[in-house]
Amino acid sequence: MKSGRMIFRSLLAWCALLLPTAGCRTLPFPEPTLEGDYGKVLAKWTREVALYSGLETRGFCRTVYLSTEFVDAQAKKISDMRAELPDEAQRTRDRLRAQAATPTVFSVFYTPDKLSNDWNEKNSVWRIAMNLGMGQVEPQRIERIERPFNAELRSLYPYLDDYSVAYVIHFPGQATPADFTPSEADMVVAGALGKMEFKWSLLHPEKDRRH
């Protein structure tokens, strides 16, 4: 483990010296290959943030906002993988839409501090909140998905690796005025290791894509 960590730090050091503007610090988590129409929609709704202390990675997170567009694309991919008939495919889409009826995200989080990878715990070291223009709300429910990840989940989220933990975060719905349409979703994850912020433009999803 120590030798691997030393190699990783050496790679980061070389990146810092040779390619200071090339984004080398994301080296331990390279971009996966996202294929086809589903891959395009997945990329469109994914945001990623890294936390560093000098050249040391303190945390790295990819978060996918489960918009209606994304949920429908995922439902189609699942139905295609399972060779579902049209009525089964409709049930799959209805089920996924119901699961993401309120603001929901899928996060893949890595930190070498394993005790801090505890988003689902009641006394987590992190505060998580979502703001859709009506003020921040904290999660209603957080599902933790442990390794090993099954083949279907890895196909749906190629960001999954052997070092991270996945979370499905459900935020409560909010009563809004009849003429109010959320234009942006802003999620913050903050704690002693740092602050991560993820933003999605709900009207123009490409607008605020961050890496």
Foldseek 3Di string as FASTA:
>chain_A
DVVVVVVVLVQLVVCCVPPVPPPCLCVVQDDDDQDDPLSVVQLLQKAKDWFDDVSHTAKIKIKGKCDLVNLLSLLVVVCVVVVHDPVVSVVSSVVSCVVCVATKMKMKMAGPPVQQLPVQDPPHQKFKWKDQPPDTFGFPHKDKDDPPDDPSVCNSPVSDDDGIIMMMTHHDHDDDPPPDDRQKMWMWIQGPSGIDIDMAGPVRRNPPHYD
